[in-house]
Amino acid sequence: MPFNSSTPLVYYNKTAFKEAGLDPEKGPKNFDELMEYSQKLTKKNGDKTERHGFALATYGWFFEQLLVKQQANYANSQNGRADKATKVDFDTNGAGLKVFESWKKLYDTGAVVNLGRKTDETKSAFIAGKIAMTMDSTAALKDIMNGVGGRFEIGTAYLPAVDGSKNGGVSIGGASLWVMDKKDKEKQKAAFEFIKFMVSPEQQAFWSKNTGYFAVTKKAYDLPELKEHLQKFPQFQTAINQLHDSPKTATGALLGVFPEARQTIELNLEKMIQGQSTPEGAMKDASKTINDAIANYNKINVK
């Protein structure tokens, strides 16, 4: 049963936008604007950078979402949904190279800082005002607002397009609740009662208000408390609108090796950022490693 559903957002410092002469009601729509805004938002004091324009955690999920934004598949067999995936598609459909190249261009501006793989590190830097924009899950929204505490105004925006034109949307992320088949019918019944409670409109409204995750039932959005919350804090509405604007084809891949695949993407992004690899080399190395992992997984697990 779906429980904590999320998508990525751009978070930005509206106060810094005003200082830089940018429209505080409009986040960057594409990577060209992201680079332009990052340079304008970077604040220096002599040789020291007091505030970087943007920071992007080296996180494999962001790579996947930027493929979806291009309406491109991560893997073959319709992202592993028509049949088992046997190899990645991002190395042949051109979308993977666009992501690697765009990621590299961001860092080449000097206005973007790399704070590692952990999104919490980047989130903390945004809360502290050391970066003016970042990308994170909508699930981080409440934590960010609590952390900032009114020191500056927070804006939220859609995931920017890599190629500047297509709006392929985003794919749903998050996690689900499961009942395991342990042959104990009474425990199964009790577990299902718990699940029904957790996905009830009232609990989903409470969960959404206090995190940023989507409510997974439409009835939650009919409750006055959630309606009032969205009206008072429009930052929460952005993710809902973005999901509604995403086509039904905006789906992620089904892979048995995703933990390894994400680590592989992250490793090759790091090598590229550090100048140890080109975007094309990073993309090729990542696809080879992931393809080998898929082949081994299918050989052992898929009949």
C-alpha atoms as a PDB file:
ATOM      1  CA  MET A   1       0.000   0.000   0.000  1.00  0.00           C
ATOM      2  CA  PRO A   2       1.518   3.388  -0.950  1.00  0.00           C
ATOM      3  CA  PHE A   3       2.345   5.416   2.145  1.00  0.00           C
ATOM      4  CA  ASN A   4       5.090   8.040   1.788  1.00  0.00           C
ATOM      5  CA  SER A   5       5.109   9.258  -1.804  1.00  0.00           C
ATOM      6  CA  SER A   6       7.438  11.980  -3.017  1.00  0.00           C
ATOM      7  CA  THR A   7       9.006  13.714  -6.020  1.00  0.00           C
ATOM      8  CA  PRO A   8      12.022  16.026  -6.370  1.00  0.00           C
ATOM      9  CA  LEU A   9      11.733  19.811  -6.146  1.00  0.00           C
ATOM     10  CA  VAL A  10      13.998  22.797  -6.496  1.00  0.00           C
ATOM     11  CA  TYR A  11      14.219  24.734  -3.234  1.00  0.00           C
ATOM     12  CA  TYR A  12      15.365  28.334  -3.452  1.00  0.00           C
ATOM     13  CA  ASN A  13      16.000  31.309  -1.216  1.00  0.00           C
ATOM     14  CA  LYS A  14      13.491  33.980  -2.263  1.00  0.00           C
ATOM     15  CA  THR A  15      15.291  36.625  -0.237  1.00  0.00           C
ATOM     16  CA  ALA A  16      18.532  35.928  -2.106  1.00  0.00           C
ATOM     17  CA  PHE A  17      16.607  36.042  -5.393  1.00  0.00           C
ATOM     18  CA  LYS A  18      15.406  39.571  -4.602  1.00  0.00           C
ATOM     19  CA  GLU A  19      18.947  40.657  -3.691  1.00  0.00           C
ATOM     20  CA  ALA A  20      20.250  39.263  -7.010  1.00  0.00           C
ATOM     21  CA  GLY A  21      17.534  40.979  -9.046  1.00  0.00           C
ATOM     22  CA  LEU A  22      15.738  37.720  -9.881  1.00  0.00           C
ATOM     23  CA  ASP A  23      11.989  37.188  -9.797  1.00  0.00           C
ATOM     24  CA  PRO A  24      11.330  35.494  -6.416  1.00  0.00           C
ATOM     25  CA  GLU A  25       8.166  33.879  -7.768  1.00  0.00           C
ATOM     26  CA  LYS A  26       9.923  32.032 -10.597  1.00  0.00           C
ATOM     27  CA  GLY A  27      12.436  29.242 -10.057  1.00  0.00           C
ATOM     28  CA  PRO A  28      14.746  28.079 -12.871  1.00  0.00           C
ATOM     29  CA  LYS A  29      12.792  26.263 -15.607  1.00  0.00           C
ATOM     30  CA  ASN A  30      15.807  24.583 -17.224  1.00  0.00           C
ATOM     31  CA  PHE A  31      19.504  23.994 -16.729  1.00  0.00           C
ATOM     32  CA  ASP A  32      20.467  27.108 -18.708  1.00  0.00           C
ATOM     33  CA  GLU A  33      18.495  29.245 -16.265  1.00  0.00           C
ATOM     34  CA  LEU A  34      19.846  27.173 -13.372  1.00  0.00           C
ATOM     35  CA  MET A  35      23.410  28.065 -14.418  1.00  0.00           C
ATOM     36  CA  GLU A  36      22.513  31.715 -15.008  1.00  0.00           C
ATOM     37  CA  TYR A  37      20.753  32.054 -11.652  1.00  0.00           C
ATOM     38  CA  SER A  38      23.559  30.220  -9.834  1.00  0.00           C
ATOM     39  CA  GLN A  39      26.115  32.739 -11.056  1.00  0.00           C
ATOM     40  CA  LYS A  40      23.936  35.705 -10.081  1.00  0.00           C
ATOM     41  CA  LEU A  41      23.208  34.250  -6.645  1.00  0.00           C
ATOM     42  CA  THR A  42      26.825  33.458  -5.784  1.00  0.00           C
ATOM     43  CA  LYS A  43      28.088  35.899  -3.181  1.00  0.00           C
ATOM     44  CA  LYS A  44      31.800  36.561  -2.749  1.00  0.00           C
ATOM     45  CA  ASN A  45      33.892  38.459  -0.221  1.00  0.00           C
ATOM     46  CA  GLY A  46      37.254  38.883  -1.875  1.00  0.00           C
ATOM     47  CA  ASP A  47      38.537  35.428  -2.748  1.00  0.00           C
ATOM     48  CA  LYS A  48      36.123  33.780  -0.329  1.00  0.00           C
ATOM     49  CA  THR A  49      32.715  32.510  -1.459  1.00  0.00           C
ATOM     50  CA  GLU A  50      30.182  33.322   1.241  1.00  0.00           C
ATOM     51  CA  ARG A  51      27.269  31.796  -0.648  1.00  0.00           C
ATOM     52  CA  HIS A  52      27.173  29.476  -3.646  1.00  0.00           C
ATOM     53  CA  GLY A  53      24.314  29.777  -6.074  1.00  0.00           C
ATOM     54  CA  PHE A  54      23.434  26.089  -6.127  1.00  0.00           C
ATOM     55  CA  ALA A  55      24.397  22.720  -4.691  1.00  0.00           C
ATOM     56  CA  LEU A  56      23.275  19.351  -6.002  1.00  0.00           C
ATOM     57  CA  ALA A  57      23.852  16.190  -4.001  1.00  0.00           C
ATOM     58  CA  THR A  58      25.511  13.421  -6.003  1.00  0.00           C
ATOM     59  CA  TYR A  59      22.434  11.218  -5.741  1.00  0.00           C
ATOM     60  CA  GLY A  60      21.458   8.538  -8.264  1.00  0.00           C
ATOM     61  CA  TRP A  61      17.747   9.279  -7.860  1.00  0.00           C
ATOM     62  CA  PHE A  62      18.264  12.747  -9.324  1.00  0.00           C
ATOM     63  CA  PHE A  63      19.919  11.199 -12.376  1.00  0.00           C
ATOM     64  CA  GLU A  64      16.845   8.987 -12.855  1.00  0.00           C
ATOM     65  CA  GLN A  65      14.461  11.915 -12.512  1.00  0.00           C
ATOM     66  CA  LEU A  66      16.381  13.949 -15.084  1.00  0.00           C
ATOM     67  CA  LEU A  67      15.945  11.050 -17.521  1.00  0.00           C
ATOM     68  CA  VAL A  68      12.196  11.058 -16.846  1.00  0.00           C
ATOM     69  CA  LYS A  69      12.157  14.819 -17.434  1.00  0.00           C
ATOM     70  CA  GLN A  70      13.489  14.096 -20.937  1.00  0.00           C
ATOM     71  CA  GLN A  71      10.770  11.463 -21.454  1.00  0.00           C
ATOM     72  CA  ALA A  72      13.535   8.891 -21.818  1.00  0.00           C
ATOM     73  CA  ASN A  73      13.816   5.401 -20.380  1.00  0.00           C
ATOM     74  CA  TYR A  74      16.499   4.289 -17.956  1.00  0.00           C
ATOM     75  CA  ALA A  75      16.338   0.683 -19.159  1.00  0.00           C
ATOM     76  CA  ASN A  76      14.992  -1.342 -22.068  1.00  0.00           C
ATOM     77  CA  SER A  77      11.728  -3.317 -22.184  1.00  0.00           C
ATOM     78  CA  GLN A  78       9.884  -0.075 -21.376  1.00  0.00           C
ATOM     79  CA  ASN A  79      11.898   0.480 -18.217  1.00  0.00           C
ATOM     80  CA  GLY A  80      11.509  -3.164 -17.239  1.00  0.00           C
ATOM     81  CA  ARG A  81       7.730  -2.913 -17.195  1.00  0.00           C
ATOM     82  CA  ALA A  82       6.863  -4.724 -20.440  1.00  0.00           C
ATOM     83  CA  ASP A  83       9.365  -7.507 -19.715  1.00  0.00           C
ATOM     84  CA  LYS A  84      12.482  -7.951 -17.594  1.00  0.00           C
ATOM     85  CA  ALA A  85      15.112  -5.306 -18.280  1.00  0.00           C
ATOM     86  CA  THR A  86      18.281  -6.740 -19.824  1.00  0.00           C
ATOM     87  CA  LYS A  87      20.305  -3.537 -20.212  1.00  0.00           C
ATOM     88  CA  VAL A  88      20.169   0.205 -19.689  1.00  0.00           C
ATOM     89  CA  ASP A  89      18.835   2.504 -22.384  1.00  0.00           C
ATOM     90  CA  PHE A  90      20.289   5.780 -21.160  1.00  0.00           C
ATOM     91  CA  ASP A  91      23.594   5.095 -22.928  1.00  0.00           C
ATOM     92  CA  THR A  92      21.987   4.799 -26.375  1.00  0.00           C
ATOM     93  CA  ASN A  93      18.984   7.153 -26.250  1.00  0.00           C
ATOM     94  CA  GLY A  94      21.147  10.232 -25.646  1.00  0.00           C
ATOM     95  CA  ALA A  95      19.429  11.180 -22.386  1.00  0.00           C
ATOM     96  CA  GLY A  96      22.140   9.852 -20.079  1.00  0.00           C
ATOM     97  CA  LEU A  97      24.895  11.830 -21.791  1.00  0.00           C
ATOM     98  CA  LYS A  98      22.780  14.997 -21.585  1.00  0.00           C
ATOM     99  CA  VAL A  99      22.486  14.569 -17.836  1.00  0.00           C
ATOM    100  CA  PHE A 100      26.216  13.974 -17.358  1.00  0.00           C
ATOM    101  CA  GLU A 101      27.112  16.910 -19.615  1.00  0.00           C
ATOM    102  CA  SER A 102      24.629  19.257 -17.936  1.00  0.00           C
ATOM    103  CA  TRP A 103      25.801  18.197 -14.470  1.00  0.00           C
ATOM    104  CA  LYS A 104      29.406  18.944 -15.480  1.00  0.00           C
ATOM    105  CA  LYS A 105      28.520  22.355 -16.951  1.00  0.00           C
ATOM    106  CA  LEU A 106      26.951  23.345 -13.652  1.00  0.00           C
ATOM    107  CA  TYR A 107      30.187  22.765 -11.770  1.00  0.00           C
ATOM    108  CA  ASP A 108      32.296  24.391 -14.475  1.00  0.00           C
ATOM    109  CA  THR A 109      30.528  27.703 -13.740  1.00  0.00           C
ATOM    110  CA  GLY A 110      32.221  27.853 -10.327  1.00  0.00           C
ATOM    111  CA  ALA A 111      28.900  28.912  -8.840  1.00  0.00           C
ATOM    112  CA  VAL A 112      27.904  25.373  -7.858  1.00  0.00           C
ATOM    113  CA  VAL A 113      29.402  23.434  -4.954  1.00  0.00           C
ATOM    114  CA  ASN A 114      29.583  19.656  -4.470  1.00  0.00           C
ATOM    115  CA  LEU A 115      28.786  18.618  -0.892  1.00  0.00           C
ATOM    116  CA  GLY A 116      28.798  14.869  -1.488  1.00  0.00           C
ATOM    117  CA  ARG A 117      26.230  12.116  -1.830  1.00  0.00           C
ATOM    118  CA  LYS A 118      24.179  12.746   1.302  1.00  0.00           C
ATOM    119  CA  THR A 119      21.245  15.047   0.657  1.00  0.00           C
ATOM    120  CA  ASP A 120      21.216  15.987   4.353  1.00  0.00           C
ATOM    121  CA  GLU A 121      24.576  17.769   3.948  1.00  0.00           C
ATOM    122  CA  THR A 122      23.247  19.864   1.087  1.00  0.00           C
ATOM    123  CA  LYS A 123      19.978  20.492   2.918  1.00  0.00           C
ATOM    124  CA  SER A 124      21.868  21.777   5.970  1.00  0.00           C
ATOM    125  CA  ALA A 125      23.896  24.157   3.791  1.00  0.00           C
ATOM    126  CA  PHE A 126      20.690  25.542   2.276  1.00  0.00           C
ATOM    127  CA  ILE A 127      19.114  26.013   5.698  1.00  0.00           C
ATOM    128  CA  ALA A 128      22.268  27.839   6.854  1.00  0.00           C
ATOM    129  CA  GLY A 129      22.082  30.182   3.854  1.00  0.00           C
ATOM    130  CA  LYS A 130      25.381  28.966   2.405  1.00  0.00           C
ATOM    131  CA  ILE A 131      23.703  28.014  -0.867  1.00  0.00           C
ATOM    132  CA  ALA A 132      20.791  29.811  -2.533  1.00  0.00           C
ATOM    133  CA  MET A 133      19.243  26.860  -4.387  1.00  0.00           C
ATOM    134  CA  THR A 134      19.206  23.096  -4.065  1.00  0.00           C
ATOM    135  CA  MET A 135      17.322  20.040  -5.264  1.00  0.00           C
ATOM    136  CA  ASP A 136      15.705  17.665  -2.796  1.00  0.00           C
ATOM    137  CA  SER A 137      12.674  15.487  -2.231  1.00  0.00           C
ATOM    138  CA  THR A 138       9.389  17.146  -1.356  1.00  0.00           C
ATOM    139  CA  ALA A 139       9.663  15.027   1.801  1.00  0.00           C
ATOM    140  CA  ALA A 140      12.313  17.478   3.063  1.00  0.00           C
ATOM    141  CA  LEU A 141      10.029  20.519   2.911  1.00  0.00           C
ATOM    142  CA  LYS A 142       8.832  20.639   6.513  1.00  0.00           C
ATOM    143  CA  ASP A 143      12.343  20.036   7.862  1.00  0.00           C
ATOM    144  CA  ILE A 144      13.703  22.835   5.684  1.00  0.00           C
ATOM    145  CA  MET A 145      10.980  25.274   6.726  1.00  0.00           C
ATOM    146  CA  ASN A 146      11.498  24.436  10.400  1.00  0.00           C
ATOM    147  CA  GLY A 147      15.270  24.777  10.010  1.00  0.00           C
ATOM    148  CA  VAL A 148      15.088  28.150   8.285  1.00  0.00           C
ATOM    149  CA  GLY A 149      12.587  29.378  10.844  1.00  0.00           C
ATOM    150  CA  GLY A 150      11.671  32.518   8.939  1.00  0.00           C
ATOM    151  CA  ARG A 151      15.264  33.794   8.500  1.00  0.00           C
ATOM    152  CA  PHE A 152      14.547  33.935   4.781  1.00  0.00           C
ATOM    153  CA  GLU A 153      11.605  33.141   2.529  1.00  0.00           C
ATOM    154  CA  ILE A 154      11.562  29.723   0.837  1.00  0.00           C
ATOM    155  CA  GLY A 155      10.392  29.082  -2.690  1.00  0.00           C
ATOM    156  CA  THR A 156       9.752  25.757  -4.392  1.00  0.00           C
ATOM    157  CA  ALA A 157       9.825  25.022  -8.116  1.00  0.00           C
ATOM    158  CA  TYR A 158       9.511  22.165 -10.597  1.00  0.00           C
ATOM    159  CA  LEU A 159      12.489  20.017 -11.522  1.00  0.00           C
ATOM    160  CA  PRO A 160      14.313  21.961 -14.281  1.00  0.00           C
ATOM    161  CA  ALA A 161      14.453  20.535 -17.793  1.00  0.00           C
ATOM    162  CA  VAL A 162      17.866  19.320 -18.964  1.00  0.00           C
ATOM    163  CA  ASP A 163      17.351  20.141 -22.624  1.00  0.00           C
ATOM    164  CA  GLY A 164      15.414  23.328 -22.067  1.00  0.00           C
ATOM    165  CA  SER A 165      12.268  22.296 -23.889  1.00  0.00           C
ATOM    166  CA  LYS A 166      10.603  19.053 -22.900  1.00  0.00           C
ATOM    167  CA  ASN A 167       8.417  18.818 -19.834  1.00  0.00           C
ATOM    168  CA  GLY A 168       8.430  15.093 -19.212  1.00  0.00           C
ATOM    169  CA  GLY A 169       7.446  15.547 -15.603  1.00  0.00           C
ATOM    170  CA  VAL A 170       8.704  13.487 -12.677  1.00  0.00           C
ATOM    171  CA  SER A 171       8.160   9.938 -11.483  1.00  0.00           C
ATOM    172  CA  ILE A 172       6.733   9.138  -8.082  1.00  0.00           C
ATOM    173  CA  GLY A 173       9.175   8.105  -5.392  1.00  0.00           C
ATOM    174  CA  GLY A 174       8.889   7.133  -1.758  1.00  0.00           C
ATOM    175  CA  ALA A 175       7.945   3.817  -0.170  1.00  0.00           C
ATOM    176  CA  SER A 176       5.046   1.526   0.684  1.00  0.00           C
ATOM    177  CA  LEU A 177       3.622  -0.530   3.518  1.00  0.00           C
ATOM    178  CA  TRP A 178       3.636  -4.308   3.117  1.00  0.00           C
ATOM    179  CA  VAL A 179       1.983  -7.253   4.853  1.00  0.00           C
ATOM    180  CA  MET A 180       4.144 -10.364   4.770  1.00  0.00           C
ATOM    181  CA  ASP A 181       2.604 -13.783   4.203  1.00  0.00           C
ATOM    182  CA  LYS A 182       3.666 -15.541   7.407  1.00  0.00           C
ATOM    183  CA  LYS A 183       0.729 -17.997   7.523  1.00  0.00           C
ATOM    184  CA  ASP A 184      -0.598 -16.252  10.638  1.00  0.00           C
ATOM    185  CA  LYS A 185      -4.026 -14.974   9.580  1.00  0.00           C
ATOM    186  CA  GLU A 186      -4.648 -13.060  12.793  1.00  0.00           C
ATOM    187  CA  LYS A 187      -1.404 -11.106  12.406  1.00  0.00           C
ATOM    188  CA  GLN A 188      -2.257 -10.409   8.786  1.00  0.00           C
ATOM    189  CA  LYS A 189      -5.659  -9.050   9.797  1.00  0.00           C
ATOM    190  CA  ALA A 190      -4.093  -6.914  12.511  1.00  0.00           C
ATOM    191  CA  ALA A 191      -1.464  -5.618  10.096  1.00  0.00           C
ATOM    192  CA  PHE A 192      -4.143  -4.691   7.584  1.00  0.00           C
ATOM    193  CA  GLU A 193      -6.061  -2.772  10.259  1.00  0.00           C
ATOM    194  CA  PHE A 194      -2.860  -0.844  10.957  1.00  0.00           C
ATOM    195  CA  ILE A 195      -2.390  -0.106   7.245  1.00  0.00           C
ATOM    196  CA  LYS A 196      -5.979   1.118   6.942  1.00  0.00           C
ATOM    197  CA  PHE A 197      -5.330   3.481   9.834  1.00  0.00           C
ATOM    198  CA  MET A 198      -2.074   4.780   8.329  1.00  0.00           C
ATOM    199  CA  VAL A 199      -3.596   5.522   4.923  1.00  0.00           C
ATOM    200  CA  SER A 200      -6.839   6.985   6.280  1.00  0.00           C
ATOM    201  CA  PRO A 201      -7.533  10.553   5.103  1.00  0.00           C
ATOM    202  CA  GLU A 202      -6.945  11.995   8.579  1.00  0.00           C
ATOM    203  CA  GLN A 203      -3.554  10.344   9.087  1.00  0.00           C
ATOM    204  CA  GLN A 204      -2.424  11.076   5.546  1.00  0.00           C
ATOM    205  CA  ALA A 205      -3.329  14.736   5.981  1.00  0.00           C
ATOM    206  CA  PHE A 206      -1.368  14.839   9.242  1.00  0.00           C
ATOM    207  CA  TRP A 207       1.615  13.076   7.626  1.00  0.00           C
ATOM    208  CA  SER A 208       1.600  15.369   4.585  1.00  0.00           C
ATOM    209  CA  LYS A 209       1.394  18.570   6.642  1.00  0.00           C
ATOM    210  CA  ASN A 210       4.271  17.539   8.894  1.00  0.00           C
ATOM    211  CA  THR A 211       6.652  16.210   6.236  1.00  0.00           C
ATOM    212  CA  GLY A 212       5.944  17.317   2.675  1.00  0.00           C
ATOM    213  CA  TYR A 213       5.113  13.833   1.383  1.00  0.00           C
ATOM    214  CA  PHE A 214       1.982  13.544  -0.726  1.00  0.00           C
ATOM    215  CA  ALA A 215      -1.208  12.299   0.832  1.00  0.00           C
ATOM    216  CA  VAL A 216      -1.872   9.039  -1.028  1.00  0.00           C
ATOM    217  CA  THR A 217      -5.653   9.259  -0.844  1.00  0.00           C
ATOM    218  CA  LYS A 218      -7.732  11.918  -2.627  1.00  0.00           C
ATOM    219  CA  LYS A 219     -10.068  12.155   0.363  1.00  0.00           C
ATOM    220  CA  ALA A 220      -7.252  13.654   2.451  1.00  0.00           C
ATOM    221  CA  TYR A 221      -7.249  16.692   0.148  1.00  0.00           C
ATOM    222  CA  ASP A 222     -10.947  17.237   0.880  1.00  0.00           C
ATOM    223  CA  LEU A 223     -10.253  17.749   4.583  1.00  0.00           C
ATOM    224  CA  PRO A 224     -10.388  21.398   5.728  1.00  0.00           C
ATOM    225  CA  GLU A 225      -7.114  21.132   7.661  1.00  0.00           C
ATOM    226  CA  LEU A 226      -5.115  20.091   4.575  1.00  0.00           C
ATOM    227  CA  LYS A 227      -6.865  22.666   2.358  1.00  0.00           C
ATOM    228  CA  GLU A 228      -6.000  25.396   4.857  1.00  0.00           C
ATOM    229  CA  HIS A 229      -2.428  24.165   5.132  1.00  0.00           C
ATOM    230  CA  LEU A 230      -1.884  24.270   1.355  1.00  0.00           C
ATOM    231  CA  GLN A 231      -3.373  27.746   1.173  1.00  0.00           C
ATOM    232  CA  LYS A 232      -1.175  29.012   4.015  1.00  0.00           C
ATOM    233  CA  PHE A 233       1.983  27.310   2.735  1.00  0.00           C
ATOM    234  CA  PRO A 234       1.919  27.284  -1.089  1.00  0.00           C
ATOM    235  CA  GLN A 235       5.391  25.686  -1.112  1.00  0.00           C
ATOM    236  CA  PHE A 236       3.607  22.377  -0.444  1.00  0.00           C
ATOM    237  CA  GLN A 237       1.309  22.845  -3.441  1.00  0.00           C
ATOM    238  CA  THR A 238       4.212  22.924  -5.944  1.00  0.00           C
ATOM    239  CA  ALA A 239       4.892  19.190  -5.753  1.00  0.00           C
ATOM    240  CA  ILE A 240       1.196  18.391  -6.160  1.00  0.00           C
ATOM    241  CA  ASN A 241       0.942  20.591  -9.249  1.00  0.00           C
ATOM    242  CA  GLN A 242       4.137  19.111 -10.690  1.00  0.00           C
ATOM    243  CA  LEU A 243       2.804  15.591 -10.307  1.00  0.00           C
ATOM    244  CA  HIS A 244      -0.523  16.538 -11.922  1.00  0.00           C
ATOM    245  CA  ASP A 245       1.409  18.084 -14.816  1.00  0.00           C
ATOM    246  CA  SER A 246       3.477  14.927 -15.326  1.00  0.00           C
ATOM    247  CA  PRO A 247       2.338  12.572 -18.115  1.00  0.00           C
ATOM    248  CA  LYS A 248       1.292   9.024 -17.269  1.00  0.00           C
ATOM    249  CA  THR A 249       4.434   7.832 -19.049  1.00  0.00           C
ATOM    250  CA  ALA A 250       6.594   9.487 -16.366  1.00  0.00           C
ATOM    251  CA  THR A 251       7.623   6.295 -14.612  1.00  0.00           C
ATOM    252  CA  GLY A 252      10.865   4.988 -13.179  1.00  0.00           C
ATOM    253  CA  ALA A 253      12.543   1.708 -14.039  1.00  0.00           C
ATOM    254  CA  LEU A 254      12.065  -1.698 -12.418  1.00  0.00           C
ATOM    255  CA  LEU A 255      15.483  -3.183 -11.703  1.00  0.00           C
ATOM    256  CA  GLY A 256      16.614  -5.805  -9.230  1.00  0.00           C
ATOM    257  CA  VAL A 257      20.009  -4.093  -8.978  1.00  0.00           C
ATOM    258  CA  PHE A 258      18.960  -0.524  -8.247  1.00  0.00           C
ATOM    259  CA  PRO A 259      21.052  -0.109  -5.060  1.00  0.00           C
ATOM    260  CA  GLU A 260      24.194  -1.030  -7.007  1.00  0.00           C
ATOM    261  CA  ALA A 261      23.079   0.970 -10.042  1.00  0.00           C
ATOM    262  CA  ARG A 262      22.612   4.149  -8.024  1.00  0.00           C
ATOM    263  CA  GLN A 263      25.995   3.783  -6.359  1.00  0.00           C
ATOM    264  CA  THR A 264      27.551   3.288  -9.793  1.00  0.00           C
ATOM    265  CA  ILE A 265      25.958   6.473 -11.135  1.00  0.00           C
ATOM    266  CA  GLU A 266      27.089   8.396  -8.067  1.00  0.00           C
ATOM    267  CA  LEU A 267      30.661   7.108  -8.318  1.00  0.00           C
ATOM    268  CA  ASN A 268      30.936   8.093 -11.966  1.00  0.00           C
ATOM    269  CA  LEU A 269      29.389  11.504 -11.360  1.00  0.00           C
ATOM    270  CA  GLU A 270      32.022  12.094  -8.684  1.00  0.00           C
ATOM    271  CA  LYS A 271      34.841  11.064 -11.008  1.00  0.00           C
ATOM    272  CA  MET A 272      33.531  13.425 -13.663  1.00  0.00           C
ATOM    273  CA  ILE A 273      33.158  16.351 -11.237  1.00  0.00           C
ATOM    274  CA  GLN A 274      36.700  15.766  -9.958  1.00  0.00           C
ATOM    275  CA  GLY A 275      38.076  15.803 -13.498  1.00  0.00           C
ATOM    276  CA  GLN A 276      38.985  12.108 -13.514  1.00  0.00           C
ATOM    277  CA  SER A 277      36.561  11.347 -16.354  1.00  0.00           C
ATOM    278  CA  THR A 278      34.684  13.067 -19.164  1.00  0.00           C
ATOM    279  CA  PRO A 279      30.871  13.066 -19.294  1.00  0.00           C
ATOM    280  CA  GLU A 280      30.991  10.508 -22.116  1.00  0.00           C
ATOM    281  CA  GLY A 281      33.507   8.332 -20.282  1.00  0.00           C
ATOM    282  CA  ALA A 282      31.499   8.497 -17.041  1.00  0.00           C
ATOM    283  CA  MET A 283      28.320   7.538 -18.877  1.00  0.00           C
ATOM    284  CA  LYS A 284      29.986   4.590 -20.648  1.00  0.00           C
ATOM    285  CA  ASP A 285      31.639   3.285 -17.463  1.00  0.00           C
ATOM    286  CA  ALA A 286      28.372   3.544 -15.552  1.00  0.00           C
ATOM    287  CA  SER A 287      26.329   1.758 -18.229  1.00  0.00           C
ATOM    288  CA  LYS A 288      28.860  -1.089 -18.527  1.00  0.00           C
ATOM    289  CA  THR A 289      28.920  -1.722 -14.772  1.00  0.00           C
ATOM    290  CA  ILE A 290      25.132  -1.592 -14.490  1.00  0.00           C
ATOM    291  CA  ASN A 291      24.638  -3.824 -17.554  1.00  0.00           C
ATOM    292  CA  ASP A 292      26.979  -6.414 -16.041  1.00  0.00           C
ATOM    293  CA  ALA A 293      25.037  -6.280 -12.776  1.00  0.00           C
ATOM    294  CA  ILE A 294      21.706  -6.690 -14.600  1.00  0.00           C
ATOM    295  CA  ALA A 295      23.040  -9.685 -16.552  1.00  0.00           C
ATOM    296  CA  ASN A 296      24.267 -11.375 -13.364  1.00  0.00           C
ATOM    297  CA  TYR A 297      21.002 -10.666 -11.557  1.00  0.00           C
ATOM    298  CA  ASN A 298      18.877 -12.059 -14.400  1.00  0.00           C
ATOM    299  CA  LYS A 299      21.039 -15.151 -14.660  1.00  0.00           C
ATOM    300  CA  ILE A 300      20.562 -15.961 -10.984  1.00  0.00           C
ATOM    301  CA  ASN A 301      17.041 -14.723 -10.274  1.00  0.00           C
ATOM    302  CA  VAL A 302      14.966 -14.500 -13.454  1.00  0.00           C
ATOM    303  CA  LYS A 303      13.470 -17.655 -14.941  1.00  0.00           C
END
